Amino acid sequence: MQRVKTVLGYTGAGATVAAAVLAPMLLMPLFARGVAATGVRVDPSLSGGRVVREIPRAGYRILVHEVVRPRAPLQRTRPFVQVAFTPAAALPAAVDDAVDLDGDGRDDVRVRFAPGAASLRADLEALGPLVRPACGLTRESRDGFVGRVHDAVVVRVPLAR
């Protein structure tokens, strides 16, 4: 009888560990579908907002996102427009592009960066009153951002207003 209790105890412990390891993997798709069904979205200050315009270039595309402005009184985000250069593998050795951010037909900013550099840095030249110029933007910059995200080089362009 003692041997049966020992075998059942170890079997139960093993089944509990197996269930604890497998349950998240098996239930995660169900949980993800449930959360997606609620309509919850990632805050635009984190994701850059939705894409509003696509500008084709030779071998790559520039995706211009919507303007992101702070919505809460204490939110530390300054207004910006996120611009993604994709695919990163097709970008030239030195990118120097003028981009129309607001869709009015006039370029608002000139973006310069070298996607192959070990330390990614971008320079933003304002071509109109919409953009604040910036030199040497990095991943840790306070006013903007440049970084590799998935298969794109993302640049957050700070706005003047």
C-alpha atoms as a PDB file:
ATOM      1  CA  MET A   1       0.000   0.000   0.000  1.00  0.00           C
ATOM      2  CA  GLN A   2       2.857   2.380   0.871  1.00  0.00           C
ATOM      3  CA  ARG A   3       4.422   1.760  -2.552  1.00  0.00           C
ATOM      4  CA  VAL A   4       1.144   2.611  -4.326  1.00  0.00           C
ATOM      5  CA  LYS A   5       0.854   5.909  -2.396  1.00  0.00           C
ATOM      6  CA  THR A   6       4.432   6.824  -3.316  1.00  0.00           C
ATOM      7  CA  VAL A   7       3.883   6.053  -7.011  1.00  0.00           C
ATOM      8  CA  LEU A   8       0.615   8.022  -7.053  1.00  0.00           C
ATOM      9  CA  GLY A   9       2.250  10.969  -5.253  1.00  0.00           C
ATOM     10  CA  TYR A  10       5.148  11.195  -7.698  1.00  0.00           C
ATOM     11  CA  THR A  11       2.804  10.710 -10.655  1.00  0.00           C
ATOM     12  CA  GLY A  12       0.582  13.544  -9.409  1.00  0.00           C
ATOM     13  CA  ALA A  13       3.580  15.815  -8.868  1.00  0.00           C
ATOM     14  CA  GLY A  14       4.894  15.081 -12.374  1.00  0.00           C
ATOM     15  CA  ALA A  15       1.468  15.696 -13.916  1.00  0.00           C
ATOM     16  CA  THR A  16       1.211  19.030 -12.052  1.00  0.00           C
ATOM     17  CA  VAL A  17       4.615  20.178 -13.313  1.00  0.00           C
ATOM     18  CA  ALA A  18       3.740  19.090 -16.867  1.00  0.00           C
ATOM     19  CA  ALA A  19       0.414  20.962 -16.692  1.00  0.00           C
ATOM     20  CA  ALA A  20       2.126  24.076 -15.312  1.00  0.00           C
ATOM     21  CA  VAL A  21       4.618  24.051 -18.192  1.00  0.00           C
ATOM     22  CA  LEU A  22       2.165  23.193 -20.983  1.00  0.00           C
ATOM     23  CA  ALA A  23      -0.875  25.249 -19.914  1.00  0.00           C
ATOM     24  CA  PRO A  24       0.521  28.676 -20.872  1.00  0.00           C
ATOM     25  CA  MET A  25       1.625  27.391 -24.274  1.00  0.00           C
ATOM     26  CA  LEU A  26      -1.725  25.775 -24.990  1.00  0.00           C
ATOM     27  CA  LEU A  27      -3.896  28.560 -23.564  1.00  0.00           C
ATOM     28  CA  MET A  28      -1.949  31.587 -24.890  1.00  0.00           C
ATOM     29  CA  PRO A  29      -3.617  31.609 -28.354  1.00  0.00           C
ATOM     30  CA  LEU A  30      -7.037  31.481 -26.692  1.00  0.00           C
ATOM     31  CA  PHE A  31      -6.085  34.297 -24.314  1.00  0.00           C
ATOM     32  CA  ALA A  32      -4.635  36.401 -27.169  1.00  0.00           C
ATOM     33  CA  ARG A  33      -7.827  36.018 -29.230  1.00  0.00           C
ATOM     34  CA  GLY A  34      -9.890  37.024 -26.204  1.00  0.00           C
ATOM     35  CA  VAL A  35      -7.860  40.188 -25.614  1.00  0.00           C
ATOM     36  CA  ALA A  36      -7.898  41.059 -29.350  1.00  0.00           C
ATOM     37  CA  ALA A  37     -11.693  40.701 -29.410  1.00  0.00           C
ATOM     38  CA  THR A  38     -12.021  43.473 -26.804  1.00  0.00           C
ATOM     39  CA  GLY A  39     -10.552  46.031 -29.221  1.00  0.00           C
ATOM     40  CA  VAL A  40      -7.631  46.910 -26.954  1.00  0.00           C
ATOM     41  CA  ARG A  41      -4.809  48.546 -28.928  1.00  0.00           C
ATOM     42  CA  VAL A  42      -1.252  49.555 -28.111  1.00  0.00           C
ATOM     43  CA  ASP A  43      -0.977  53.246 -27.249  1.00  0.00           C
ATOM     44  CA  PRO A  44       0.181  55.289 -30.272  1.00  0.00           C
ATOM     45  CA  SER A  45       2.939  56.891 -28.183  1.00  0.00           C
ATOM     46  CA  LEU A  46       4.494  53.413 -28.013  1.00  0.00           C
ATOM     47  CA  SER A  47       3.597  52.042 -31.453  1.00  0.00           C
ATOM     48  CA  GLY A  48       3.819  55.234 -33.530  1.00  0.00           C
ATOM     49  CA  GLY A  49       0.157  55.136 -34.543  1.00  0.00           C
ATOM     50  CA  ARG A  50      -1.346  53.805 -37.727  1.00  0.00           C
ATOM     51  CA  VAL A  51       0.250  54.200 -41.146  1.00  0.00           C
ATOM     52  CA  VAL A  52      -1.435  56.998 -43.127  1.00  0.00           C
ATOM     53  CA  ARG A  53       0.817  57.189 -46.173  1.00  0.00           C
ATOM     54  CA  GLU A  54       3.302  55.064 -48.074  1.00  0.00           C
ATOM     55  CA  ILE A  55       6.005  56.639 -50.231  1.00  0.00           C
ATOM     56  CA  PRO A  56       7.683  54.254 -52.699  1.00  0.00           C
ATOM     57  CA  ARG A  57      11.393  54.648 -53.392  1.00  0.00           C
ATOM     58  CA  ALA A  58      13.805  52.628 -55.513  1.00  0.00           C
ATOM     59  CA  GLY A  59      13.942  49.257 -53.735  1.00  0.00           C
ATOM     60  CA  TYR A  60      12.315  50.330 -50.442  1.00  0.00           C
ATOM     61  CA  ARG A  61       9.304  52.159 -49.022  1.00  0.00           C
ATOM     62  CA  ILE A  62       8.799  54.951 -46.517  1.00  0.00           C
ATOM     63  CA  LEU A  63       5.812  54.480 -44.214  1.00  0.00           C
ATOM     64  CA  VAL A  64       4.533  57.702 -42.639  1.00  0.00           C
ATOM     65  CA  HIS A  65       2.448  57.230 -39.493  1.00  0.00           C
ATOM     66  CA  GLU A  66      -0.197  59.550 -38.065  1.00  0.00           C
ATOM     67  CA  VAL A  67       0.754  62.456 -35.804  1.00  0.00           C
ATOM     68  CA  VAL A  68       1.023  61.379 -32.162  1.00  0.00           C
ATOM     69  CA  ARG A  69       0.251  63.999 -29.540  1.00  0.00           C
ATOM     70  CA  PRO A  70       0.095  63.607 -25.746  1.00  0.00           C
ATOM     71  CA  ARG A  71      -3.456  62.923 -24.579  1.00  0.00           C
ATOM     72  CA  ALA A  72      -3.001  62.893 -20.810  1.00  0.00           C
ATOM     73  CA  PRO A  73      -1.977  65.971 -18.794  1.00  0.00           C
ATOM     74  CA  LEU A  74       1.093  64.297 -17.292  1.00  0.00           C
ATOM     75  CA  GLN A  75       2.122  62.289 -20.358  1.00  0.00           C
ATOM     76  CA  ARG A  76       5.768  63.025 -21.166  1.00  0.00           C
ATOM     77  CA  THR A  77       5.467  62.344 -24.894  1.00  0.00           C
ATOM     78  CA  ARG A  78       6.101  65.315 -27.150  1.00  0.00           C
ATOM     79  CA  PRO A  79       4.301  65.482 -30.508  1.00  0.00           C
ATOM     80  CA  PHE A  80       5.999  63.374 -33.188  1.00  0.00           C
ATOM     81  CA  VAL A  81       5.499  61.565 -36.472  1.00  0.00           C
ATOM     82  CA  GLN A  82       7.003  58.123 -36.883  1.00  0.00           C
ATOM     83  CA  VAL A  83       8.593  57.318 -40.250  1.00  0.00           C
ATOM     84  CA  ALA A  84       9.660  53.763 -41.109  1.00  0.00           C
ATOM     85  CA  PHE A  85      12.091  52.886 -43.889  1.00  0.00           C
ATOM     86  CA  THR A  86      11.438  49.293 -44.947  1.00  0.00           C
ATOM     87  CA  PRO A  87      12.817  46.747 -45.728  1.00  0.00           C
ATOM     88  CA  ALA A  88      16.037  47.570 -43.919  1.00  0.00           C
ATOM     89  CA  ALA A  89      18.054  45.121 -46.010  1.00  0.00           C
ATOM     90  CA  ALA A  90      17.182  47.044 -49.210  1.00  0.00           C
ATOM     91  CA  LEU A  91      18.196  50.489 -47.929  1.00  0.00           C
ATOM     92  CA  PRO A  92      21.170  52.177 -49.611  1.00  0.00           C
ATOM     93  CA  ALA A  93      24.438  52.662 -47.713  1.00  0.00           C
ATOM     94  CA  ALA A  94      23.456  56.252 -46.927  1.00  0.00           C
ATOM     95  CA  VAL A  95      19.802  57.319 -46.788  1.00  0.00           C
ATOM     96  CA  ASP A  96      19.080  60.966 -47.589  1.00  0.00           C
ATOM     97  CA  ASP A  97      15.335  61.419 -48.181  1.00  0.00           C
ATOM     98  CA  ALA A  98      12.972  64.363 -48.080  1.00  0.00           C
ATOM     99  CA  VAL A  99       9.609  63.290 -46.631  1.00  0.00           C
ATOM    100  CA  ASP A 100       6.171  64.939 -46.714  1.00  0.00           C
ATOM    101  CA  LEU A 101       4.750  64.266 -43.225  1.00  0.00           C
ATOM    102  CA  ASP A 102       1.362  65.969 -43.436  1.00  0.00           C
ATOM    103  CA  GLY A 103       0.390  65.035 -47.014  1.00  0.00           C
ATOM    104  CA  ASP A 104       0.185  68.587 -48.353  1.00  0.00           C
ATOM    105  CA  GLY A 105       2.545  67.903 -51.273  1.00  0.00           C
ATOM    106  CA  ARG A 106       5.536  69.775 -49.785  1.00  0.00           C
ATOM    107  CA  ASP A 107       8.429  68.016 -48.085  1.00  0.00           C
ATOM    108  CA  ASP A 108       8.623  68.775 -44.359  1.00  0.00           C
ATOM    109  CA  VAL A 109      11.841  67.057 -43.285  1.00  0.00           C
ATOM    110  CA  ARG A 110      15.052  65.686 -44.751  1.00  0.00           C
ATOM    111  CA  VAL A 111      16.142  62.493 -42.993  1.00  0.00           C
ATOM    112  CA  ARG A 112      19.768  61.345 -43.184  1.00  0.00           C
ATOM    113  CA  PHE A 113      21.251  58.159 -41.705  1.00  0.00           C
ATOM    114  CA  ALA A 114      23.547  55.262 -42.542  1.00  0.00           C
ATOM    115  CA  PRO A 115      21.636  52.010 -41.898  1.00  0.00           C
ATOM    116  CA  GLY A 116      24.774  49.860 -42.010  1.00  0.00           C
ATOM    117  CA  ALA A 117      26.634  51.809 -39.326  1.00  0.00           C
ATOM    118  CA  ALA A 118      27.379  50.046 -36.059  1.00  0.00           C
ATOM    119  CA  SER A 119      25.911  52.965 -34.122  1.00  0.00           C
ATOM    120  CA  LEU A 120      22.760  54.143 -35.896  1.00  0.00           C
ATOM    121  CA  ARG A 121      22.426  57.948 -35.877  1.00  0.00           C
ATOM    122  CA  ALA A 122      20.065  60.210 -37.807  1.00  0.00           C
ATOM    123  CA  ASP A 123      20.030  63.886 -38.704  1.00  0.00           C
ATOM    124  CA  LEU A 124      16.755  65.713 -39.309  1.00  0.00           C
ATOM    125  CA  GLU A 125      16.721  68.920 -41.317  1.00  0.00           C
ATOM    126  CA  ALA A 126      13.505  70.936 -41.103  1.00  0.00           C
ATOM    127  CA  LEU A 127      12.247  71.982 -44.537  1.00  0.00           C
ATOM    128  CA  GLY A 128       9.271  73.863 -43.092  1.00  0.00           C
ATOM    129  CA  PRO A 129       7.763  75.069 -39.813  1.00  0.00           C
ATOM    130  CA  LEU A 130       6.235  71.686 -38.877  1.00  0.00           C
ATOM    131  CA  VAL A 131       9.436  69.906 -37.755  1.00  0.00           C
ATOM    132  CA  ARG A 132      12.067  70.630 -35.120  1.00  0.00           C
ATOM    133  CA  PRO A 133      15.529  69.935 -36.535  1.00  0.00           C
ATOM    134  CA  ALA A 134      17.753  67.421 -34.747  1.00  0.00           C
ATOM    135  CA  CYS A 135      21.337  66.238 -35.176  1.00  0.00           C
ATOM    136  CA  GLY A 136      22.760  62.921 -34.062  1.00  0.00           C
ATOM    137  CA  LEU A 137      19.501  61.249 -32.999  1.00  0.00           C
ATOM    138  CA  THR A 138      20.080  57.855 -31.381  1.00  0.00           C
ATOM    139  CA  ARG A 139      17.978  55.257 -29.633  1.00  0.00           C
ATOM    140  CA  GLU A 140      18.381  57.133 -26.341  1.00  0.00           C
ATOM    141  CA  SER A 141      17.751  60.658 -27.653  1.00  0.00           C
ATOM    142  CA  ARG A 142      15.308  62.777 -25.703  1.00  0.00           C
ATOM    143  CA  ASP A 143      13.718  64.611 -28.626  1.00  0.00           C
ATOM    144  CA  GLY A 144      13.477  61.851 -31.198  1.00  0.00           C
ATOM    145  CA  PHE A 145      14.377  58.265 -31.926  1.00  0.00           C
ATOM    146  CA  VAL A 146      16.103  56.192 -34.545  1.00  0.00           C
ATOM    147  CA  GLY A 147      16.430  52.428 -34.346  1.00  0.00           C
ATOM    148  CA  ARG A 148      16.024  49.118 -36.072  1.00  0.00           C
ATOM    149  CA  VAL A 149      12.610  47.574 -35.455  1.00  0.00           C
ATOM    150  CA  HIS A 150      11.877  44.229 -37.093  1.00  0.00           C
ATOM    151  CA  ASP A 151      12.718  44.729 -40.779  1.00  0.00           C
ATOM    152  CA  ALA A 152      12.696  48.531 -40.760  1.00  0.00           C
ATOM    153  CA  VAL A 153      14.651  51.545 -39.623  1.00  0.00           C
ATOM    154  CA  VAL A 154      12.269  53.708 -37.603  1.00  0.00           C
ATOM    155  CA  VAL A 155      12.763  57.442 -37.121  1.00  0.00           C
ATOM    156  CA  ARG A 156      10.562  59.503 -34.811  1.00  0.00           C
ATOM    157  CA  VAL A 157      10.478  63.073 -36.073  1.00  0.00           C
ATOM    158  CA  PRO A 158       9.768  65.666 -33.335  1.00  0.00           C
ATOM    159  CA  LEU A 159       7.192  68.296 -34.261  1.00  0.00           C
ATOM    160  CA  ALA A 160       7.510  72.003 -33.535  1.00  0.00           C
ATOM    161  CA  ARG A 161       3.832  72.417 -32.720  1.00  0.00           C
END
